[in-house]
Protein backbone atom coordinates (compact mmCIF):
# COMPACT_ATOMS: atom_id res chain seq x y z
CA UNK A 1 10.18 -0.65 33.89
CA UNK A 2 13.15 -1.42 31.66
CA UNK A 3 13.29 0.02 28.14
CA UNK A 4 13.43 -3.45 26.53
CA UNK A 5 10.31 -4.61 28.43
CA UNK A 6 8.42 -1.46 27.48
CA UNK A 7 9.50 -1.87 23.84
CA UNK A 8 8.28 -5.50 23.82
CA UNK A 9 4.91 -4.48 25.27
CA UNK A 10 4.48 -1.72 22.68
CA UNK A 11 5.53 -4.06 19.84
CA UNK A 12 3.00 -6.65 21.01
CA UNK A 13 0.29 -3.97 21.09
CA UNK A 14 1.15 -3.01 17.50
CA UNK A 15 0.85 -6.59 16.32
CA UNK A 16 -2.46 -7.15 18.12
CA UNK A 17 -3.96 -3.98 16.63
CA UNK A 18 -2.95 -4.74 13.05
CA UNK A 19 -3.95 -8.42 13.27
CA UNK A 20 -7.30 -7.35 14.67
CA UNK A 21 -7.90 -4.97 11.76
CA UNK A 22 -6.72 -7.61 9.26
CA UNK A 23 -9.30 -10.16 10.43
CA UNK A 24 -12.24 -8.19 9.08
CA UNK A 25 -13.95 -10.34 6.45
CA UNK A 26 -14.13 -9.10 2.89
CA UNK A 27 -17.04 -9.78 0.58
CA UNK A 28 -16.59 -10.59 -3.06
CA UNK A 29 -18.95 -9.47 -5.77
CA UNK A 30 -19.20 -10.59 -9.34
CA UNK A 31 -19.43 -7.69 -11.73
CA UNK A 32 -18.91 -7.25 -15.43
CA UNK A 33 -16.95 -4.05 -14.85
CA UNK A 34 -13.28 -3.70 -15.65
CA UNK A 35 -11.28 -4.60 -12.52
CA UNK A 36 -9.26 -1.37 -12.85
CA UNK A 37 -12.49 0.69 -12.77
CA UNK A 38 -13.70 -1.26 -9.74
CA UNK A 39 -10.42 -0.57 -7.93
CA UNK A 40 -10.57 3.20 -8.45
CA UNK A 41 -14.23 3.36 -7.38
CA UNK A 42 -13.09 2.11 -3.96
CA UNK A 43 -10.17 4.54 -3.54
CA UNK A 44 -10.82 7.65 -1.44
CA UNK A 45 -8.53 10.64 -1.07
CA UNK A 46 -8.01 13.01 1.83
CA UNK A 47 -5.29 14.63 3.84
CA UNK A 48 -4.33 17.66 5.79
CA UNK A 49 -2.90 21.11 5.28
CA UNK A 50 -1.41 23.13 8.11
CA UNK A 51 -0.17 26.70 8.27
CA UNK A 52 1.03 28.57 11.34
CA UNK A 53 2.97 31.80 11.69
CA UNK A 54 3.69 34.65 14.06
CA UNK A 55 6.56 36.74 15.51
CA UNK A 56 9.30 35.31 13.30
CA UNK A 57 7.87 31.77 13.30
CA UNK A 58 6.54 29.88 10.29
CA UNK A 59 5.27 26.31 9.96
CA UNK A 60 3.71 24.67 6.91
CA UNK A 61 2.49 21.09 6.52
CA UNK A 62 1.16 19.14 3.55
CA UNK A 63 -0.09 15.62 4.29
CA UNK A 64 -2.03 13.86 1.49
CA UNK A 65 -3.49 10.39 2.00
CA UNK A 66 -5.42 7.74 0.12
CA UNK A 67 -7.37 4.75 1.39
CA UNK A 68 -8.89 1.72 -0.27
CA UNK A 69 -12.41 1.00 1.00
CA UNK A 70 -12.59 -2.82 1.05
CA UNK A 71 -16.20 -2.78 2.26
CA UNK A 72 -18.41 -0.32 4.18
CA UNK A 73 -16.68 -1.27 7.45
CA UNK A 74 -12.97 -1.51 6.65
CA UNK A 75 -10.39 0.62 4.80
CA UNK A 76 -6.60 0.57 4.56
CA UNK A 77 -4.38 3.30 3.15
CA UNK A 78 -1.17 5.26 2.89
CA UNK A 79 -0.23 8.82 3.74
CA UNK A 80 2.68 11.18 3.19
CA UNK A 81 3.77 14.02 5.44
CA UNK A 82 5.96 17.03 4.73
CA UNK A 83 6.49 19.83 7.25
CA UNK A 84 8.80 22.85 7.27
CA UNK A 85 9.35 24.94 10.42
CA UNK A 86 11.46 28.05 10.93
CA UNK A 87 12.03 30.32 13.90
CA UNK A 88 13.94 33.40 12.74
CA UNK A 89 17.51 33.56 14.12
CA UNK A 90 17.09 30.23 15.96
CA UNK A 91 16.33 27.06 13.95
CA UNK A 92 14.90 25.39 10.85
CA UNK A 93 13.45 21.90 10.64
CA UNK A 94 12.23 19.69 7.84
CA UNK A 95 10.07 16.69 8.63
CA UNK A 96 9.34 14.10 5.94
CA UNK A 97 7.63 10.76 6.33
CA UNK A 98 4.93 8.26 5.51
CA UNK A 99 2.21 6.34 7.28
CA UNK A 100 -0.03 3.30 6.97
CA UNK A 101 -3.57 3.69 8.31
CA UNK A 102 -6.37 1.22 8.94
CA UNK A 103 -9.95 2.30 9.58
CA UNK A 104 -12.75 0.14 10.98
CA UNK A 105 -16.38 1.17 11.46
CA UNK A 106 -18.12 -1.28 13.83
CA UNK A 107 -21.24 0.89 13.41
CA UNK A 108 -21.83 3.68 10.91
CA UNK A 109 -21.20 6.53 13.39
CA UNK A 110 -18.11 5.07 15.09
CA UNK A 111 -14.63 4.73 13.60
CA UNK A 112 -11.69 2.93 15.20
CA UNK A 113 -8.29 3.62 13.65
CA UNK A 114 -4.72 2.42 13.83
CA UNK A 115 -1.92 4.33 12.14
CA UNK A 116 1.80 3.70 12.03
CA UNK A 117 3.87 6.75 11.04
CA UNK A 118 7.62 7.00 10.44
CA UNK A 119 9.13 10.50 10.22
CA UNK A 120 12.62 11.78 9.45
CA UNK A 121 13.39 14.94 11.40
CA UNK A 122 16.21 17.26 10.29
CA UNK A 123 16.86 20.21 12.62
CA UNK A 124 19.51 22.88 12.07
CA UNK A 125 20.22 25.60 14.62
CA UNK A 126 21.64 29.07 14.02
CA UNK A 127 23.28 29.06 17.46
CA UNK A 128 26.30 26.79 18.02
CA UNK A 129 25.13 26.17 21.60
CA UNK A 130 22.63 23.68 20.10
CA UNK A 131 23.67 20.63 18.11
CA UNK A 132 22.04 19.99 14.72
CA UNK A 133 20.05 16.75 14.66
CA UNK A 134 18.84 14.30 12.04
CA UNK A 135 16.87 11.29 13.28
CA UNK A 136 13.94 8.98 12.61
CA UNK A 137 10.97 8.84 14.97
CA UNK A 138 8.07 6.36 14.82
CA UNK A 139 4.53 6.95 16.04
CA UNK A 140 1.74 4.43 16.48
CA UNK A 141 -1.67 6.02 16.86
CA UNK A 142 -4.78 4.28 18.15
CA UNK A 143 -7.86 6.40 17.61
CA UNK A 144 -11.58 6.61 18.11
CA UNK A 145 -13.83 8.98 16.21
CA UNK A 146 -17.41 10.02 15.51
CA UNK A 147 -18.26 9.70 11.82
CA UNK A 148 -20.83 11.69 9.87
CA UNK A 149 -20.74 11.17 6.08
CA UNK A 150 -17.13 11.78 4.92
CA UNK A 151 -16.00 13.64 8.07
CA UNK A 152 -14.65 12.04 11.25
CA UNK A 153 -13.99 13.93 14.52
CA UNK A 154 -12.01 12.11 17.15
CA UNK A 155 -9.06 11.59 19.46
CA UNK A 156 -5.96 9.48 18.94
CA UNK A 157 -3.13 8.37 21.21
CA UNK A 158 0.51 7.69 20.28
CA UNK A 159 1.52 4.51 22.14
CA UNK A 160 5.19 4.99 21.07
CA UNK A 161 5.35 8.61 22.27
CA UNK A 162 8.87 9.78 23.22
CA UNK A 163 8.87 13.26 24.77
CA UNK A 164 12.48 13.90 23.68
CA UNK A 165 12.10 12.94 20.00
CA UNK A 166 8.44 13.22 19.05
CA UNK A 167 7.42 16.05 16.74
CA UNK A 168 4.13 16.19 18.64
CA UNK A 169 3.75 18.08 21.93
CA UNK A 170 1.57 15.43 23.55
CA UNK A 171 0.66 11.75 22.95
CA UNK A 172 -3.06 12.67 22.92
CA UNK A 173 -4.22 14.44 19.76
CA UNK A 174 -7.63 15.48 18.48
CA UNK A 175 -8.17 14.93 14.75
CA UNK A 176 -10.53 15.71 11.91
CA UNK A 177 -10.42 13.36 8.90
CA UNK A 178 -12.09 14.00 5.57
CA UNK A 179 -12.06 11.48 2.71
CA UNK A 180 -13.71 12.00 -0.69
């Protein structure tokens, strides 16, 4: 299949997913509360922290996120991602980016998610045999998870996965989400 055909198919999938999530109906309530207070009551925070090290290798990630809970079924939010990797005497990389995430709960225990992530990857090598690289890489995750209270366990798939550029080892990824 040609690259342009594959790109068009993936772009169409992105549009269908986000239109589908956007069609969830929103209820309106009349309250006497300040609208600013009402807004912040519907904002939930979460994120991820990662730390890995061993035999001259270090990796640290900080990825905060916030979502707005429109109703019990639908939420939309933003996330940031910062990662630093270093292999002693070989390379360093800095990965910075942001994401937009939509969450839909057709039933209380089930969560369907769509997330578009754009990352800037900056790799520098200590050995001149490798060329330093600085590039952008997108990811579009479609996920399904089991929800219990504020915690969601699930699996997501990157439909834009590129083995040569992705910062992830595989397009399939398990996840744990926690929002407070």
